[in-house]
Amino acid sequence: MPIDLPAPVAAYFNADGNTARDVAQTFTENAEVVDERQRHKGRAAIRAWKADAAAKYEYTSKPVAIEVRPDGAILVTSLVSGNFPGSPVHLRYAFTLEGDAIARLEIVA
């Protein structure tokens, strides 16, 4: 059963199967992504992060649960499967939105 994601979050997961540029466009100009303990600040850095991940691995990500915290943070649990060590894995994506874009994303196992 599909879950109902806020528009910017749905746009992120939809773009994830496309290009790094498409993914970067779902973020604000000065957004930050934290993934594998690395920080990527700004759309250009986010585009490079996503391009690097796509060059290393083929994967799919399927959101399976959502929690909206009282502070507005949106936590999405997604089943990520692909040709990477430990696949498949459930990852937690913590989104902070600003208007109709993502201002911050932290991905943790």
PDB file of N, CA and C in Angstrom:
ATOM      1  N   MET A   1       0.844  -1.179   0.000  1.00  0.00           N
ATOM      2  CA  MET A   1       0.000   0.000   0.000  1.00  0.00           C
ATOM      3  C   MET A   1       0.891   1.246   0.000  1.00  0.00           C
ATOM      4  N   PRO A   2       0.716   2.116  -0.982  1.00  0.00           N
ATOM      5  CA  PRO A   2       1.537   3.332  -1.033  1.00  0.00           C
ATOM      6  C   PRO A   2       1.234   4.253   0.150  1.00  0.00           C
ATOM      7  N   ILE A   3       2.256   4.993   0.572  1.00  0.00           N
ATOM      8  CA  ILE A   3       2.044   5.950   1.655  1.00  0.00           C
ATOM      9  C   ILE A   3       1.938   7.354   1.068  1.00  0.00           C
ATOM     10  N   ASP A   4       1.268   8.225   1.795  1.00  0.00           N
ATOM     11  CA  ASP A   4       1.039   9.591   1.349  1.00  0.00           C
ATOM     12  C   ASP A   4       2.201  10.470   1.816  1.00  0.00           C
ATOM     13  N   LEU A   5       3.023  10.888   0.871  1.00  0.00           N
ATOM     14  CA  LEU A   5       4.191  11.710   1.183  1.00  0.00           C
ATOM     15  C   LEU A   5       3.908  13.171   0.843  1.00  0.00           C
ATOM     16  N   PRO A   6       4.442  14.119   1.623  1.00  0.00           N
ATOM     17  CA  PRO A   6       4.345  15.529   1.241  1.00  0.00           C
ATOM     18  C   PRO A   6       4.986  15.718  -0.137  1.00  0.00           C
ATOM     19  N   ALA A   7       4.510  16.670  -0.898  1.00  0.00           N
ATOM     20  CA  ALA A   7       4.946  16.859  -2.289  1.00  0.00           C
ATOM     21  C   ALA A   7       6.465  16.933  -2.457  1.00  0.00           C
ATOM     22  N   PRO A   8       7.212  17.716  -1.651  1.00  0.00           N
ATOM     23  CA  PRO A   8       8.664  17.765  -1.867  1.00  0.00           C
ATOM     24  C   PRO A   8       9.353  16.422  -1.604  1.00  0.00           C
ATOM     25  N   VAL A   9       8.834  15.677  -0.645  1.00  0.00           N
ATOM     26  CA  VAL A   9       9.409  14.371  -0.324  1.00  0.00           C
ATOM     27  C   VAL A   9       9.097  13.383  -1.447  1.00  0.00           C
ATOM     28  N   ALA A  10       7.872  13.395  -1.925  1.00  0.00           N
ATOM     29  CA  ALA A  10       7.502  12.540  -3.060  1.00  0.00           C
ATOM     30  C   ALA A  10       8.347  12.889  -4.279  1.00  0.00           C
ATOM     31  N   ALA A  11       8.582  14.179  -4.501  1.00  0.00           N
ATOM     32  CA  ALA A  11       9.407  14.614  -5.635  1.00  0.00           C
ATOM     33  C   ALA A  11      10.826  14.061  -5.508  1.00  0.00           C
ATOM     34  N   TYR A  12      11.365  14.062  -4.292  1.00  0.00           N
ATOM     35  CA  TYR A  12      12.710  13.515  -4.065  1.00  0.00           C
ATOM     36  C   TYR A  12      12.759  12.041  -4.456  1.00  0.00           C
ATOM     37  N   PHE A  13      11.838  11.237  -3.938  1.00  0.00           N
ATOM     38  CA  PHE A  13      11.864   9.802  -4.227  1.00  0.00           C
ATOM     39  C   PHE A  13      11.590   9.529  -5.704  1.00  0.00           C
ATOM     40  N   ASN A  14      10.742  10.314  -6.338  1.00  0.00           N
ATOM     41  CA  ASN A  14      10.505  10.160  -7.773  1.00  0.00           C
ATOM     42  C   ASN A  14      11.762  10.509  -8.569  1.00  0.00           C
ATOM     43  N   ALA A  15      12.446  11.581  -8.187  1.00  0.00           N
ATOM     44  CA  ALA A  15      13.655  12.016  -8.894  1.00  0.00           C
ATOM     45  C   ALA A  15      14.814  11.061  -8.657  1.00  0.00           C
ATOM     46  N   ASP A  16      14.809  10.345  -7.553  1.00  0.00           N
ATOM     47  CA  ASP A  16      15.915   9.461  -7.199  1.00  0.00           C
ATOM     48  C   ASP A  16      16.194   8.423  -8.275  1.00  0.00           C
ATOM     49  N   GLY A  17      15.198   8.059  -9.043  1.00  0.00           N
ATOM     50  CA  GLY A  17      15.395   7.101 -10.124  1.00  0.00           C
ATOM     51  C   GLY A  17      15.804   7.767 -11.426  1.00  0.00           C
ATOM     52  N   ASN A  18      15.927   9.085 -11.434  1.00  0.00           N
ATOM     53  CA  ASN A  18      16.298   9.829 -12.637  1.00  0.00           C
ATOM     54  C   ASN A  18      17.741  10.304 -12.531  1.00  0.00           C
ATOM     55  N   THR A  19      17.976  11.562 -12.816  1.00  0.00           N
ATOM     56  CA  THR A  19      19.346  12.088 -12.806  1.00  0.00           C
ATOM     57  C   THR A  19      19.674  12.791 -11.491  1.00  0.00           C
ATOM     58  N   ALA A  20      20.971  12.972 -11.260  1.00  0.00           N
ATOM     59  CA  ALA A  20      21.428  13.715 -10.080  1.00  0.00           C
ATOM     60  C   ALA A  20      20.907  15.142 -10.126  1.00  0.00           C
ATOM     61  N   ARG A  21      20.817  15.712 -11.313  1.00  0.00           N
ATOM     62  CA  ARG A  21      20.281  17.069 -11.459  1.00  0.00           C
ATOM     63  C   ARG A  21      18.830  17.121 -11.000  1.00  0.00           C
ATOM     64  N   ASP A  22      18.042  16.111 -11.378  1.00  0.00           N
ATOM     65  CA  ASP A  22      16.634  16.060 -10.952  1.00  0.00           C
ATOM     66  C   ASP A  22      16.529  15.998  -9.432  1.00  0.00           C
ATOM     67  N   VAL A  23      17.376  15.199  -8.806  1.00  0.00           N
ATOM     68  CA  VAL A  23      17.368  15.089  -7.345  1.00  0.00           C
ATOM     69  C   VAL A  23      17.726  16.438  -6.724  1.00  0.00           C
ATOM     70  N   ALA A  24      18.794  17.064  -7.213  1.00  0.00           N
ATOM     71  CA  ALA A  24      19.246  18.344  -6.650  1.00  0.00           C
ATOM     72  C   ALA A  24      18.160  19.412  -6.743  1.00  0.00           C
ATOM     73  N   GLN A  25      17.350  19.372  -7.771  1.00  0.00           N
ATOM     74  CA  GLN A  25      16.296  20.373  -7.956  1.00  0.00           C
ATOM     75  C   GLN A  25      15.191  20.275  -6.910  1.00  0.00           C
ATOM     76  N   THR A  26      15.127  19.185  -6.160  1.00  0.00           N
ATOM     77  CA  THR A  26      14.102  19.060  -5.119  1.00  0.00           C
ATOM     78  C   THR A  26      14.503  19.786  -3.836  1.00  0.00           C
ATOM     79  N   PHE A  27      15.752  20.305  -3.804  1.00  0.00           N
ATOM     80  CA  PHE A  27      16.301  20.977  -2.626  1.00  0.00           C
ATOM     81  C   PHE A  27      16.330  22.494  -2.813  1.00  0.00           C
ATOM     82  N   THR A  28      16.380  23.204  -1.680  1.00  0.00           N
ATOM     83  CA  THR A  28      16.610  24.646  -1.722  1.00  0.00           C
ATOM     84  C   THR A  28      18.053  24.881  -2.192  1.00  0.00           C
ATOM     85  N   GLU A  29      18.349  26.092  -2.602  1.00  0.00           N
ATOM     86  CA  GLU A  29      19.684  26.418  -3.120  1.00  0.00           C
ATOM     87  C   GLU A  29      20.789  26.131  -2.095  1.00  0.00           C
ATOM     88  N   ASN A  30      20.524  26.375  -0.816  1.00  0.00           N
ATOM     89  CA  ASN A  30      21.541  26.199   0.224  1.00  0.00           C
ATOM     90  C   ASN A  30      21.279  24.994   1.120  1.00  0.00           C
ATOM     91  N   ALA A  31      20.571  24.019   0.611  1.00  0.00           N
ATOM     92  CA  ALA A  31      20.217  22.840   1.399  1.00  0.00           C
ATOM     93  C   ALA A  31      21.457  22.043   1.801  1.00  0.00           C
ATOM     94  N   GLU A  32      21.233  21.149   2.751  1.00  0.00           N
ATOM     95  CA  GLU A  32      22.298  20.280   3.239  1.00  0.00           C
ATOM     96  C   GLU A  32      21.811  18.835   3.251  1.00  0.00           C
ATOM     97  N   VAL A  33      22.685  17.931   2.815  1.00  0.00           N
ATOM     98  CA  VAL A  33      22.425  16.498   2.908  1.00  0.00           C
ATOM     99  C   VAL A  33      23.531  15.894   3.759  1.00  0.00           C
ATOM    100  N   VAL A  34      23.138  15.028   4.693  1.00  0.00           N
ATOM    101  CA  VAL A  34      24.093  14.267   5.486  1.00  0.00           C
ATOM    102  C   VAL A  34      23.836  12.794   5.168  1.00  0.00           C
ATOM    103  N   ASP A  35      24.853  12.147   4.615  1.00  0.00           N
ATOM    104  CA  ASP A  35      24.748  10.741   4.243  1.00  0.00           C
ATOM    105  C   ASP A  35      26.099  10.086   4.492  1.00  0.00           C
ATOM    106  N   GLU A  36      26.092   8.935   5.124  1.00  0.00           N
ATOM    107  CA  GLU A  36      27.318   8.220   5.469  1.00  0.00           C
ATOM    108  C   GLU A  36      28.305   9.138   6.189  1.00  0.00           C
ATOM    109  N   ARG A  37      27.774   9.942   7.095  1.00  0.00           N
ATOM    110  CA  ARG A  37      28.545  10.875   7.939  1.00  0.00           C
ATOM    111  C   ARG A  37      29.267  11.961   7.150  1.00  0.00           C
ATOM    112  N   GLN A  38      28.859  12.169   5.920  1.00  0.00           N
ATOM    113  CA  GLN A  38      29.427  13.221   5.078  1.00  0.00           C
ATOM    114  C   GLN A  38      28.367  14.296   4.841  1.00  0.00           C
ATOM    115  N   ARG A  39      28.799  15.571   4.898  1.00  0.00           N
ATOM    116  CA  ARG A  39      27.891  16.697   4.654  1.00  0.00           C
ATOM    117  C   ARG A  39      28.099  17.223   3.245  1.00  0.00           C
ATOM    118  N   HIS A  40      26.979  17.512   2.601  1.00  0.00           N
ATOM    119  CA  HIS A  40      26.981  18.057   1.245  1.00  0.00           C
ATOM    120  C   HIS A  40      26.101  19.297   1.279  1.00  0.00           C
ATOM    121  N   LYS A  41      26.696  20.465   1.075  1.00  0.00           N
ATOM    122  CA  LYS A  41      25.999  21.748   1.257  1.00  0.00           C
ATOM    123  C   LYS A  41      25.820  22.441  -0.087  1.00  0.00           C
ATOM    124  N   GLY A  42      24.563  22.768  -0.412  1.00  0.00           N
ATOM    125  CA  GLY A  42      24.252  23.471  -1.650  1.00  0.00           C
ATOM    126  C   GLY A  42      23.889  22.507  -2.765  1.00  0.00           C
ATOM    127  N   ARG A  43      23.129  23.012  -3.740  1.00  0.00           N
ATOM    128  CA  ARG A  43      22.648  22.148  -4.828  1.00  0.00           C
ATOM    129  C   ARG A  43      23.779  21.502  -5.626  1.00  0.00           C
ATOM    130  N   ALA A  44      24.857  22.242  -5.886  1.00  0.00           N
ATOM    131  CA  ALA A  44      25.953  21.662  -6.669  1.00  0.00           C
ATOM    132  C   ALA A  44      26.573  20.482  -5.928  1.00  0.00           C
ATOM    133  N   ALA A  45      26.783  20.609  -4.631  1.00  0.00           N
ATOM    134  CA  ALA A  45      27.348  19.516  -3.840  1.00  0.00           C
ATOM    135  C   ALA A  45      26.368  18.346  -3.753  1.00  0.00           C
ATOM    136  N   ILE A  46      25.089  18.644  -3.650  1.00  0.00           N
ATOM    137  CA  ILE A  46      24.063  17.585  -3.600  1.00  0.00           C
ATOM    138  C   ILE A  46      24.021  16.842  -4.931  1.00  0.00           C
ATOM    139  N   ARG A  47      24.103  17.580  -6.031  1.00  0.00           N
ATOM    140  CA  ARG A  47      24.129  16.944  -7.355  1.00  0.00           C
ATOM    141  C   ARG A  47      25.354  16.024  -7.469  1.00  0.00           C
ATOM    142  N   ALA A  48      26.523  16.471  -7.009  1.00  0.00           N
ATOM    143  CA  ALA A  48      27.736  15.654  -7.074  1.00  0.00           C
ATOM    144  C   ALA A  48      27.611  14.415  -6.188  1.00  0.00           C
ATOM    145  N   TRP A  49      27.039  14.580  -4.984  1.00  0.00           N
ATOM    146  CA  TRP A  49      26.819  13.446  -4.075  1.00  0.00           C
ATOM    147  C   TRP A  49      25.948  12.388  -4.743  1.00  0.00           C
ATOM    148  N   LYS A  50      24.847  12.824  -5.343  1.00  0.00           N
ATOM    149  CA  LYS A  50      23.922  11.874  -5.957  1.00  0.00           C
ATOM    150  C   LYS A  50      24.539  11.234  -7.191  1.00  0.00           C
ATOM    151  N   ALA A  51      25.279  11.993  -7.983  1.00  0.00           N
ATOM    152  CA  ALA A  51      25.937  11.436  -9.167  1.00  0.00           C
ATOM    153  C   ALA A  51      26.957  10.376  -8.757  1.00  0.00           C
ATOM    154  N   ASP A  52      27.695  10.630  -7.689  1.00  0.00           N
ATOM    155  CA  ASP A  52      28.683   9.681  -7.196  1.00  0.00           C
ATOM    156  C   ASP A  52      28.007   8.389  -6.737  1.00  0.00           C
ATOM    157  N   ALA A  53      26.911   8.522  -5.997  1.00  0.00           N
ATOM    158  CA  ALA A  53      26.175   7.333  -5.529  1.00  0.00           C
ATOM    159  C   ALA A  53      25.643   6.530  -6.709  1.00  0.00           C
ATOM    160  N   ALA A  54      25.120   7.216  -7.715  1.00  0.00           N
ATOM    161  CA  ALA A  54      24.562   6.535  -8.885  1.00  0.00           C
ATOM    162  C   ALA A  54      25.657   5.846  -9.703  1.00  0.00           C
ATOM    163  N   ALA A  55      26.861   6.416  -9.697  1.00  0.00           N
ATOM    164  CA  ALA A  55      27.968   5.803 -10.428  1.00  0.00           C
ATOM    165  C   ALA A  55      28.462   4.534  -9.731  1.00  0.00           C
ATOM    166  N   LYS A  56      28.352   4.495  -8.398  1.00  0.00           N
ATOM    167  CA  LYS A  56      28.833   3.347  -7.626  1.00  0.00           C
ATOM    168  C   LYS A  56      27.838   2.194  -7.597  1.00  0.00           C
ATOM    169  N   TYR A  57      26.555   2.542  -7.451  1.00  0.00           N
ATOM    170  CA  TYR A  57      25.545   1.519  -7.183  1.00  0.00           C
ATOM    171  C   TYR A  57      24.297   1.711  -8.024  1.00  0.00           C
ATOM    172  N   GLU A  58      23.657   0.588  -8.318  1.00  0.00           N
ATOM    173  CA  GLU A  58      22.305   0.605  -8.867  1.00  0.00           C
ATOM    174  C   GLU A  58      21.393   0.215  -7.721  1.00  0.00           C
ATOM    175  N   TYR A  59      20.329   0.986  -7.510  1.00  0.00           N
ATOM    176  CA  TYR A  59      19.453   0.691  -6.377  1.00  0.00           C
ATOM    177  C   TYR A  59      18.054   1.244  -6.642  1.00  0.00           C
ATOM    178  N   THR A  60      17.119   0.731  -5.870  1.00  0.00           N
ATOM    179  CA  THR A  60      15.768   1.277  -5.839  1.00  0.00           C
ATOM    180  C   THR A  60      15.435   1.582  -4.384  1.00  0.00           C
ATOM    181  N   SER A  61      14.580   2.564  -4.205  1.00  0.00           N
ATOM    182  CA  SER A  61      14.176   2.973  -2.866  1.00  0.00           C
ATOM    183  C   SER A  61      12.658   3.061  -2.825  1.00  0.00           C
ATOM    184  N   LYS A  62      12.065   2.306  -1.911  1.00  0.00           N
ATOM    185  CA  LYS A  62      10.612   2.272  -1.803  1.00  0.00           C
ATOM    186  C   LYS A  62      10.195   2.714  -0.400  1.00  0.00           C
ATOM    187  N   PRO A  63       9.613   3.924  -0.263  1.00  0.00           N
ATOM    188  CA  PRO A  63       9.136   4.363   1.053  1.00  0.00           C
ATOM    189  C   PRO A  63       8.069   3.408   1.587  1.00  0.00           C
ATOM    190  N   VAL A  64       8.233   3.030   2.867  1.00  0.00           N
ATOM    191  CA  VAL A  64       7.291   2.086   3.469  1.00  0.00           C
ATOM    192  C   VAL A  64       6.592   2.641   4.709  1.00  0.00           C
ATOM    193  N   ALA A  65       7.110   3.739   5.278  1.00  0.00           N
ATOM    194  CA  ALA A  65       6.488   4.315   6.470  1.00  0.00           C
ATOM    195  C   ALA A  65       6.862   5.794   6.555  1.00  0.00           C
ATOM    196  N   ILE A  66       5.977   6.562   7.204  1.00  0.00           N
ATOM    197  CA  ILE A  66       6.221   7.989   7.390  1.00  0.00           C
ATOM    198  C   ILE A  66       5.797   8.388   8.799  1.00  0.00           C
ATOM    199  N   GLU A  67       6.558   9.299   9.378  1.00  0.00           N
ATOM    200  CA  GLU A  67       6.220   9.884  10.676  1.00  0.00           C
ATOM    201  C   GLU A  67       6.486  11.384  10.577  1.00  0.00           C
ATOM    202  N   VAL A  68       5.496  12.180  10.951  1.00  0.00           N
ATOM    203  CA  VAL A  68       5.682  13.631  10.989  1.00  0.00           C
ATOM    204  C   VAL A  68       5.837  14.020  12.449  1.00  0.00           C
ATOM    205  N   ARG A  69       6.970  14.573  12.775  1.00  0.00           N
ATOM    206  CA  ARG A  69       7.270  14.950  14.149  1.00  0.00           C
ATOM    207  C   ARG A  69       6.626  16.293  14.490  1.00  0.00           C
ATOM    208  N   PRO A  70       6.391  16.557  15.775  1.00  0.00           N
ATOM    209  CA  PRO A  70       5.799  17.837  16.186  1.00  0.00           C
ATOM    210  C   PRO A  70       6.614  19.056  15.740  1.00  0.00           C
ATOM    211  N   ASP A  71       7.950  18.875  15.594  1.00  0.00           N
ATOM    212  CA  ASP A  71       8.788  20.000  15.147  1.00  0.00           C
ATOM    213  C   ASP A  71       8.754  20.189  13.633  1.00  0.00           C
ATOM    214  N   GLY A  72       7.966  19.357  12.938  1.00  0.00           N
ATOM    215  CA  GLY A  72       7.824  19.482  11.488  1.00  0.00           C
ATOM    216  C   GLY A  72       8.726  18.566  10.693  1.00  0.00           C
ATOM    217  N   ALA A  73       9.686  17.918  11.350  1.00  0.00           N
ATOM    218  CA  ALA A  73      10.559  16.983  10.638  1.00  0.00           C
ATOM    219  C   ALA A  73       9.725  15.828  10.101  1.00  0.00           C
ATOM    220  N   ILE A  74      10.087  15.356   8.938  1.00  0.00           N
ATOM    221  CA  ILE A  74       9.378  14.248   8.299  1.00  0.00           C
ATOM    222  C   ILE A  74      10.352  13.087   8.201  1.00  0.00           C
ATOM    223  N   LEU A  75      10.027  11.988   8.868  1.00  0.00           N
ATOM    224  CA  LEU A  75      10.875  10.799   8.866  1.00  0.00           C
ATOM    225  C   LEU A  75      10.245   9.748   7.966  1.00  0.00           C
ATOM    226  N   VAL A  76      10.982   9.328   6.975  1.00  0.00           N
ATOM    227  CA  VAL A  76      10.497   8.316   6.038  1.00  0.00           C
ATOM    228  C   VAL A  76      11.415   7.110   6.137  1.00  0.00           C
ATOM    229  N   THR A  77      10.834   5.943   6.349  1.00  0.00           N
ATOM    230  CA  THR A  77      11.579   4.696   6.293  1.00  0.00           C
ATOM    231  C   THR A  77      11.386   4.134   4.900  1.00  0.00           C
ATOM    232  N   SER A  78      12.504   3.773   4.270  1.00  0.00           N
ATOM    233  CA  SER A  78      12.446   3.289   2.902  1.00  0.00           C
ATOM    234  C   SER A  78      13.239   1.994   2.786  1.00  0.00           C
ATOM    235  N   LEU A  79      12.711   1.061   2.017  1.00  0.00           N
ATOM    236  CA  LEU A  79      13.414  -0.178   1.726  1.00  0.00           C
ATOM    237  C   LEU A  79      14.287   0.075   0.510  1.00  0.00           C
ATOM    238  N   VAL A  80      15.602  -0.001   0.700  1.00  0.00           N
ATOM    239  CA  VAL A  80      16.555   0.274  -0.372  1.00  0.00           C
ATOM    240  C   VAL A  80      17.226  -1.046  -0.757  1.00  0.00           C
ATOM    241  N   SER A  81      17.110  -1.378  -2.043  1.00  0.00           N
ATOM    242  CA  SER A  81      17.662  -2.623  -2.567  1.00  0.00           C
ATOM    243  C   SER A  81      18.554  -2.306  -3.756  1.00  0.00           C
ATOM    244  N   GLY A  82      19.663  -3.046  -3.874  1.00  0.00           N
ATOM    245  CA  GLY A  82      20.543  -2.816  -5.014  1.00  0.00           C
ATOM    246  C   GLY A  82      21.804  -3.642  -4.923  1.00  0.00           C
ATOM    247  N   ASN A  83      22.815  -3.208  -5.681  1.00  0.00           N
ATOM    248  CA  ASN A  83      24.074  -3.940  -5.747  1.00  0.00           C
ATOM    249  C   ASN A  83      25.119  -3.341  -4.813  1.00  0.00           C
ATOM    250  N   PHE A  84      24.717  -3.096  -3.572  1.00  0.00           N
ATOM    251  CA  PHE A  84      25.635  -2.552  -2.570  1.00  0.00           C
ATOM    252  C   PHE A  84      25.703  -3.519  -1.388  1.00  0.00           C
ATOM    253  N   PRO A  85      26.782  -3.464  -0.628  1.00  0.00           N
ATOM    254  CA  PRO A  85      26.918  -4.376   0.517  1.00  0.00           C
ATOM    255  C   PRO A  85      25.773  -4.207   1.514  1.00  0.00           C
ATOM    256  N   GLY A  86      25.210  -5.330   1.957  1.00  0.00           N
ATOM    257  CA  GLY A  86      24.150  -5.294   2.956  1.00  0.00           C
ATOM    258  C   GLY A  86      22.751  -5.169   2.394  1.00  0.00           C
ATOM    259  N   SER A  87      22.628  -5.114   1.080  1.00  0.00           N
ATOM    260  CA  SER A  87      21.310  -4.961   0.455  1.00  0.00           C
ATOM    261  C   SER A  87      20.470  -6.214   0.675  1.00  0.00           C
ATOM    262  N   PRO A  88      19.172  -6.039   0.898  1.00  0.00           N
ATOM    263  CA  PRO A  88      18.437  -4.788   1.060  1.00  0.00           C
ATOM    264  C   PRO A  88      18.550  -4.275   2.497  1.00  0.00           C
ATOM    265  N   VAL A  89      18.239  -2.992   2.661  1.00  0.00           N
ATOM    266  CA  VAL A  89      18.320  -2.367   3.970  1.00  0.00           C
ATOM    267  C   VAL A  89      17.196  -1.344   4.106  1.00  0.00           C
ATOM    268  N   HIS A  90      16.716  -1.181   5.334  1.00  0.00           N
ATOM    269  CA  HIS A  90      15.770  -0.109   5.620  1.00  0.00           C
ATOM    270  C   HIS A  90      16.581   1.115   6.044  1.00  0.00           C
ATOM    271  N   LEU A  91      16.424   2.214   5.333  1.00  0.00           N
ATOM    272  CA  LEU A  91      17.081   3.462   5.691  1.00  0.00           C
ATOM    273  C   LEU A  91      16.038   4.459   6.158  1.00  0.00           C
ATOM    274  N   ARG A  92      16.464   5.339   7.079  1.00  0.00           N
ATOM    275  CA  ARG A  92      15.573   6.405   7.564  1.00  0.00           C
ATOM    276  C   ARG A  92      16.049   7.718   6.979  1.00  0.00           C
ATOM    277  N   TYR A  93      15.132   8.407   6.360  1.00  0.00           N
ATOM    278  CA  TYR A  93      15.376   9.701   5.735  1.00  0.00           C
ATOM    279  C   TYR A  93      14.678  10.756   6.587  1.00  0.00           C
ATOM    280  N   ALA A  94      15.441  11.673   7.150  1.00  0.00           N
ATOM    281  CA  ALA A  94      14.876  12.758   7.964  1.00  0.00           C
ATOM    282  C   ALA A  94      14.903  14.030   7.130  1.00  0.00           C
ATOM    283  N   PHE A  95      13.720  14.478   6.717  1.00  0.00           N
ATOM    284  CA  PHE A  95      13.576  15.654   5.861  1.00  0.00           C
ATOM    285  C   PHE A  95      13.165  16.866   6.686  1.00  0.00           C
ATOM    286  N   THR A  96      13.740  18.009   6.370  1.00  0.00           N
ATOM    287  CA  THR A  96      13.269  19.301   6.853  1.00  0.00           C
ATOM    288  C   THR A  96      12.899  20.093   5.609  1.00  0.00           C
ATOM    289  N   LEU A  97      11.669  20.570   5.577  1.00  0.00           N
ATOM    290  CA  LEU A  97      11.194  21.287   4.402  1.00  0.00           C
ATOM    291  C   LEU A  97      11.236  22.790   4.610  1.00  0.00           C
ATOM    292  N   GLU A  98      11.360  23.495   3.503  1.00  0.00           N
ATOM    293  CA  GLU A  98      11.269  24.953   3.481  1.00  0.00           C
ATOM    294  C   GLU A  98      10.411  25.290   2.271  1.00  0.00           C
ATOM    295  N   GLY A  99       9.154  25.648   2.544  1.00  0.00           N
ATOM    296  CA  GLY A  99       8.225  25.889   1.436  1.00  0.00           C
ATOM    297  C   GLY A  99       7.991  24.599   0.674  1.00  0.00           C
ATOM    298  N   ASP A 100       8.192  24.658  -0.640  1.00  0.00           N
ATOM    299  CA  ASP A 100       7.948  23.476  -1.465  1.00  0.00           C
ATOM    300  C   ASP A 100       9.247  22.772  -1.864  1.00  0.00           C
ATOM    301  N   ALA A 101      10.275  22.895  -1.027  1.00  0.00           N
ATOM    302  CA  ALA A 101      11.560  22.253  -1.309  1.00  0.00           C
ATOM    303  C   ALA A 101      12.150  21.672  -0.025  1.00  0.00           C
ATOM    304  N   ILE A 102      13.181  20.889  -0.177  1.00  0.00           N
ATOM    305  CA  ILE A 102      13.852  20.258   0.958  1.00  0.00           C
ATOM    306  C   ILE A 102      15.021  21.148   1.373  1.00  0.00           C
ATOM    307  N   ALA A 103      15.067  21.504   2.662  1.00  0.00           N
ATOM    308  CA  ALA A 103      16.148  22.322   3.196  1.00  0.00           C
ATOM    309  C   ALA A 103      17.255  21.470   3.800  1.00  0.00           C
ATOM    310  N   ARG A 104      16.883  20.273   4.279  1.00  0.00           N
ATOM    311  CA  ARG A 104      17.873  19.395   4.901  1.00  0.00           C
ATOM    312  C   ARG A 104      17.386  17.963   4.803  1.00  0.00           C
ATOM    313  N   LEU A 105      18.329  17.069   4.572  1.00  0.00           N
ATOM    314  CA  LEU A 105      18.051  15.638   4.540  1.00  0.00           C
ATOM    315  C   LEU A 105      19.196  14.914   5.228  1.00  0.00           C
ATOM    316  N   GLU A 106      18.848  14.052   6.173  1.00  0.00           N
ATOM    317  CA  GLU A 106      19.838  13.177   6.793  1.00  0.00           C
ATOM    318  C   GLU A 106      19.384  11.746   6.597  1.00  0.00           C
ATOM    319  N   ILE A 107      20.294  10.918   6.089  1.00  0.00           N
ATOM    320  CA  ILE A 107      19.988   9.508   5.809  1.00  0.00           C
ATOM    321  C   ILE A 107      20.804   8.654   6.759  1.00  0.00           C
ATOM    322  N   VAL A 108      20.111   7.765   7.497  1.00  0.00           N
ATOM    323  CA  VAL A 108      20.787   6.869   8.440  1.00  0.00           C
ATOM    324  C   VAL A 108      20.216   5.459   8.326  1.00  0.00           C
ATOM    325  N   ALA A 109      21.050   4.479   8.693  1.00  0.00           N
ATOM    326  CA  ALA A 109      20.615   3.087   8.660  1.00  0.00           C
ATOM    327  C   ALA A 109      19.774   2.784   9.880  1.00  0.00           C
TER     328      ALA A 109
END
